Every structure is written in C-alpha cells, then in structure tokens.
C-alpha cells in the first residue's frame, strides 16, 4: 500500500496537468459561433441603348421585339429634281426600319467581397434595314448606333415575333422582285420597301 499510493497520486497529478489547460490559452474567436456571410443585394443595370428606346416607348419589356421607323429629314441642298419631288411628297428623304429586341441577362459574382451577388443587365439588340441605290437597288442591314441618329425621327410601329434574319431575308426577297428604283410615291423606293417589311413582320 505504501508503494502504490504515491504512484497513483503522481499519475493523477500528471493527468490534471495535461487536461486542465488555462482558459487564457483558448482563442476567444474559437468560443464564438460564426454567422455565415450575407449575400450582397442583387443589382440591376440598364444600358444606354435600352434607356434610349425606353424613352421612345416606356413599356418595352424583355423578350419582346419592337419595330420602329427612322426617317431622315428632307435635304434642302438636294440638286436632283426627281429626288426633290419625291421627298417633298413623302415628307422625308430616306426611311429605315428598326428591329429592336429587348434582352435580359443575369451574372453571379464568383469570388471576392461581392461573391454571390446577382447582376441583371437589360439591353437591346437593334438592327436597321433600308434600301440603297437609285439605279439597281440593294438592301442593307446594319447594327443600330445611337450616335448616328442625329436629326432623324424615330417612331414606334408595332411588336413582332419575326427574327432579325427573317426580316432581312424578306428584304432580300423584295429586292429580287423589285430591282429598279422608281421616283413615284407608291412605286418601288425606300418607302415601299419599309412598308413591305412592316406588313411582313
């Protein structure tokens, strides 16, 4: 008994020394329950092109395609008499059809302080169609650019379910049937070309 008692006391002391670490050695952050990081609020972005067309038609919505006409004013310096007579009757010197599809895309930030933030961007895909040439005519499809509008007048016509390619194909088909420009209202010129596209769309 005299041999085992001191030995047992030694083991007990060693055990207490190992397991009873001072509370000061424990990091305070380890004692706290960390709350998960908050996802940043979603962000909405509207491009300048979208804002431009929204200014022309306030209720445009994503997923819909809108048709507009764009008319160039009469050129006071026009020298050709046939052109002067036609534009005077039409009330403009040239006309385009604009096809404007409103798009919406979403992007989630993958890393950094804004990780998980969803950004929704509203934009437009806008194309212009017109007839060019006064001898043998041709059709033209161009990307719409706001900086080229200048003093041209843009007016809303209607919505359409036709794609930009379908409208372009219709314009090419029209030109094949009507290859010659005519300086008369109601005959083959830029005005009748656009009216055909509107009727088709």
Protein backbone atom coordinates (compact mmCIF):
# COMPACT_ATOMS: atom_id res chain seq x y z
CA UNK A 1 0.00 0.00 0.00
CA UNK A 2 2.80 2.39 0.72
CA UNK A 3 4.25 1.78 -2.80
CA UNK A 4 1.08 2.22 -4.88
CA UNK A 5 -0.48 5.25 -3.11
CA UNK A 6 2.27 7.78 -4.03
CA UNK A 7 2.43 6.36 -7.58
CA UNK A 8 -1.35 6.79 -8.05
CA UNK A 9 -1.15 10.34 -6.74
CA UNK A 10 1.60 11.10 -9.28
CA UNK A 11 -0.45 9.79 -12.18
CA UNK A 12 -3.44 11.83 -11.07
CA UNK A 13 -1.34 15.00 -10.89
CA UNK A 14 0.09 14.37 -14.35
CA UNK A 15 -3.39 13.81 -15.73
CA UNK A 16 -4.65 17.09 -14.32
CA UNK A 17 -1.63 18.92 -15.65
CA UNK A 18 -2.23 17.66 -19.18
CA UNK A 19 -6.00 18.17 -19.42
CA UNK A 20 -6.54 21.28 -17.37
CA UNK A 21 -5.21 23.90 -19.81
CA UNK A 22 -5.60 27.52 -18.62
CA UNK A 23 -8.65 29.21 -20.10
CA UNK A 24 -6.40 32.10 -21.19
CA UNK A 25 -4.83 29.90 -23.88
CA UNK A 26 -8.15 29.44 -25.76
CA UNK A 27 -8.79 31.94 -28.56
CA UNK A 28 -11.96 33.90 -27.88
CA UNK A 29 -12.98 33.56 -31.53
CA UNK A 30 -12.96 29.77 -31.11
CA UNK A 31 -15.63 30.09 -28.46
CA UNK A 32 -17.97 32.10 -30.67
CA UNK A 33 -20.34 30.74 -33.30
CA UNK A 34 -19.58 32.49 -36.59
CA UNK A 35 -22.63 33.56 -38.65
CA UNK A 36 -22.49 32.87 -42.42
CA UNK A 37 -21.55 35.79 -44.73
CA UNK A 38 -24.54 37.73 -46.06
CA UNK A 39 -25.08 37.58 -49.83
CA UNK A 40 -24.94 41.11 -51.34
CA UNK A 41 -28.20 42.56 -52.63
CA UNK A 42 -28.92 41.97 -56.34
CA UNK A 43 -28.06 44.73 -58.81
CA UNK A 44 -29.97 45.87 -61.92
CA UNK A 45 -28.17 47.55 -64.83
CA UNK A 46 -29.79 49.26 -67.83
CA UNK A 47 -27.61 50.04 -70.85
CA UNK A 48 -27.74 53.42 -72.60
CA UNK A 49 -29.28 51.84 -75.72
CA UNK A 50 -32.06 50.30 -73.63
CA UNK A 51 -32.72 53.64 -71.92
CA UNK A 52 -32.86 55.33 -75.33
CA UNK A 53 -35.63 53.11 -76.67
CA UNK A 54 -37.43 53.10 -73.32
CA UNK A 55 -37.56 56.87 -73.73
CA UNK A 56 -39.34 56.33 -77.06
CA UNK A 57 -41.69 53.64 -75.72
CA UNK A 58 -41.88 53.46 -71.94
CA UNK A 59 -43.35 49.95 -71.61
CA UNK A 60 -40.79 47.93 -73.60
CA UNK A 61 -40.15 44.58 -71.93
CA UNK A 62 -37.51 41.84 -72.06
CA UNK A 63 -38.14 39.09 -74.58
CA UNK A 64 -40.17 41.26 -76.97
CA UNK A 65 -39.09 42.70 -80.34
CA UNK A 66 -40.33 46.15 -81.34
CA UNK A 67 -40.40 47.79 -84.77
CA UNK A 68 -39.69 51.49 -85.31
CA UNK A 69 -39.30 53.63 -88.41
CA UNK A 70 -36.45 56.11 -88.67
CA UNK A 71 -36.84 58.96 -91.17
CA UNK A 72 -34.18 61.35 -92.43
CA UNK A 73 -35.33 64.95 -92.94
CA UNK A 74 -35.56 66.45 -96.42
CA UNK A 75 -32.21 67.69 -97.65
CA UNK A 76 -32.56 71.37 -98.57
CA UNK A 77 -29.42 71.11 -100.70
CA UNK A 78 -30.70 68.26 -102.89
CA UNK A 79 -30.00 69.05 -106.58
CA UNK A 80 -31.74 66.18 -108.36
CA UNK A 81 -35.25 67.31 -109.31
CA UNK A 82 -36.81 63.83 -109.32
CA UNK A 83 -35.48 63.21 -105.81
CA UNK A 84 -36.68 66.63 -104.64
CA UNK A 85 -40.19 65.96 -105.97
CA UNK A 86 -40.40 62.51 -104.36
CA UNK A 87 -39.08 63.55 -100.96
CA UNK A 88 -41.41 66.54 -100.90
CA UNK A 89 -44.39 64.20 -101.35
CA UNK A 90 -43.09 61.64 -98.84
CA UNK A 91 -42.12 64.21 -96.24
CA UNK A 92 -38.65 62.75 -95.70
CA UNK A 93 -35.53 61.97 -97.71
CA UNK A 94 -34.95 58.40 -96.53
CA UNK A 95 -36.55 55.79 -94.27
CA UNK A 96 -35.25 52.82 -92.30
CA UNK A 97 -36.97 50.04 -90.39
CA UNK A 98 -35.53 49.35 -86.93
CA UNK A 99 -35.93 45.96 -85.25
CA UNK A 100 -35.30 46.27 -81.51
CA UNK A 101 -35.24 43.16 -79.31
CA UNK A 102 -35.08 43.75 -75.55
CA UNK A 103 -32.76 41.29 -73.78
CA UNK A 104 -32.10 40.46 -70.14
CA UNK A 105 -29.08 38.56 -68.80
CA UNK A 106 -28.00 37.54 -65.30
CA UNK A 107 -24.46 37.09 -63.94
CA UNK A 108 -23.42 35.90 -60.49
CA UNK A 109 -20.15 37.16 -58.99
CA UNK A 110 -17.99 34.09 -58.32
CA UNK A 111 -15.42 35.48 -55.86
CA UNK A 112 -14.35 38.46 -53.79
CA UNK A 113 -16.31 40.66 -51.38
CA UNK A 114 -19.36 40.59 -53.67
CA UNK A 115 -19.37 36.82 -54.10
CA UNK A 116 -22.88 35.53 -54.83
CA UNK A 117 -24.21 38.91 -55.98
CA UNK A 118 -26.55 38.63 -58.98
CA UNK A 119 -26.38 41.39 -61.60
CA UNK A 120 -29.26 41.65 -64.10
CA UNK A 121 -28.46 43.61 -67.26
CA UNK A 122 -31.21 44.88 -69.58
CA UNK A 123 -30.06 45.70 -73.10
CA UNK A 124 -31.31 45.74 -76.70
CA UNK A 125 -30.29 44.08 -79.96
CA UNK A 126 -31.14 46.70 -82.58
CA UNK A 127 -30.84 46.41 -86.37
CA UNK A 128 -31.59 48.84 -89.17
CA UNK A 129 -32.89 47.83 -92.61
CA UNK A 130 -33.09 50.10 -95.64
CA UNK A 131 -32.96 50.19 -99.42
CA UNK A 132 -29.93 51.79 -101.06
CA UNK A 133 -29.22 52.85 -104.63
CA UNK A 134 -31.27 54.73 -107.20
CA UNK A 135 -30.46 52.57 -110.22
CA UNK A 136 -30.26 48.89 -109.36
CA UNK A 137 -31.25 48.82 -105.72
CA UNK A 138 -29.99 46.64 -102.89
CA UNK A 139 -30.95 46.02 -99.29
CA UNK A 140 -28.81 46.86 -96.29
CA UNK A 141 -28.79 45.54 -92.71
CA UNK A 142 -26.72 47.44 -90.14
CA UNK A 143 -26.25 47.49 -86.38
CA UNK A 144 -28.14 50.43 -84.91
CA UNK A 145 -25.90 53.13 -83.40
CA UNK A 146 -27.38 55.97 -81.38
CA UNK A 147 -24.64 58.40 -82.36
CA UNK A 148 -25.77 58.18 -85.99
CA UNK A 149 -29.39 59.14 -85.31
CA UNK A 150 -28.74 62.87 -85.42
CA UNK A 151 -31.84 64.72 -86.63
CA UNK A 152 -33.61 61.59 -87.85
CA UNK A 153 -37.12 61.00 -86.49
CA UNK A 154 -37.86 57.64 -84.85
CA UNK A 155 -41.43 56.41 -84.34
CA UNK A 156 -42.85 53.21 -82.86
CA UNK A 157 -44.81 50.95 -85.23
CA UNK A 158 -45.65 47.60 -83.58
CA UNK A 159 -44.24 44.44 -81.97
CA UNK A 160 -43.21 41.39 -83.98
CA UNK A 161 -42.31 37.76 -83.47
CA UNK A 162 -40.10 37.72 -86.58
CA UNK A 163 -36.34 37.44 -86.05
CA UNK A 164 -33.84 39.89 -87.49
CA UNK A 165 -32.75 37.23 -90.00
CA UNK A 166 -36.32 36.65 -91.17
CA UNK A 167 -36.82 40.38 -91.70
CA UNK A 168 -33.52 40.62 -93.58
CA UNK A 169 -34.45 37.65 -95.78
CA UNK A 170 -37.79 39.26 -96.60
CA UNK A 171 -35.97 42.44 -97.64
CA UNK A 172 -33.71 40.48 -99.97
CA UNK A 173 -36.70 38.70 -101.46
CA UNK A 174 -38.42 42.05 -102.05
CA UNK A 175 -35.37 43.43 -103.89
CA UNK A 176 -35.27 40.43 -106.21
CA UNK A 177 -38.83 41.18 -107.29
CA UNK A 178 -38.34 44.97 -107.36
CA UNK A 179 -34.77 45.61 -108.58
CA UNK A 180 -35.38 49.08 -110.09
CA UNK A 181 -35.83 52.32 -108.15
CA UNK A 182 -38.86 54.45 -109.06
CA UNK A 183 -39.28 58.13 -108.20
CA UNK A 184 -43.01 57.92 -107.56
CA UNK A 185 -45.00 57.59 -104.35
CA UNK A 186 -46.33 54.04 -104.05
CA UNK A 187 -43.80 52.70 -106.52
CA UNK A 188 -40.52 50.93 -105.72
CA UNK A 189 -38.39 53.07 -103.42
CA UNK A 190 -37.19 53.15 -99.81
CA UNK A 191 -40.71 53.91 -98.56
CA UNK A 192 -42.41 50.94 -100.22
CA UNK A 193 -39.52 48.71 -99.15
CA UNK A 194 -40.04 49.55 -95.47
CA UNK A 195 -43.81 49.24 -95.78
CA UNK A 196 -43.35 45.73 -97.21
CA UNK A 197 -41.17 44.73 -94.24
CA UNK A 198 -43.70 46.13 -91.76
CA UNK A 199 -46.54 44.22 -93.44
CA UNK A 200 -44.44 41.04 -93.41
CA UNK A 201 -43.43 41.37 -89.76
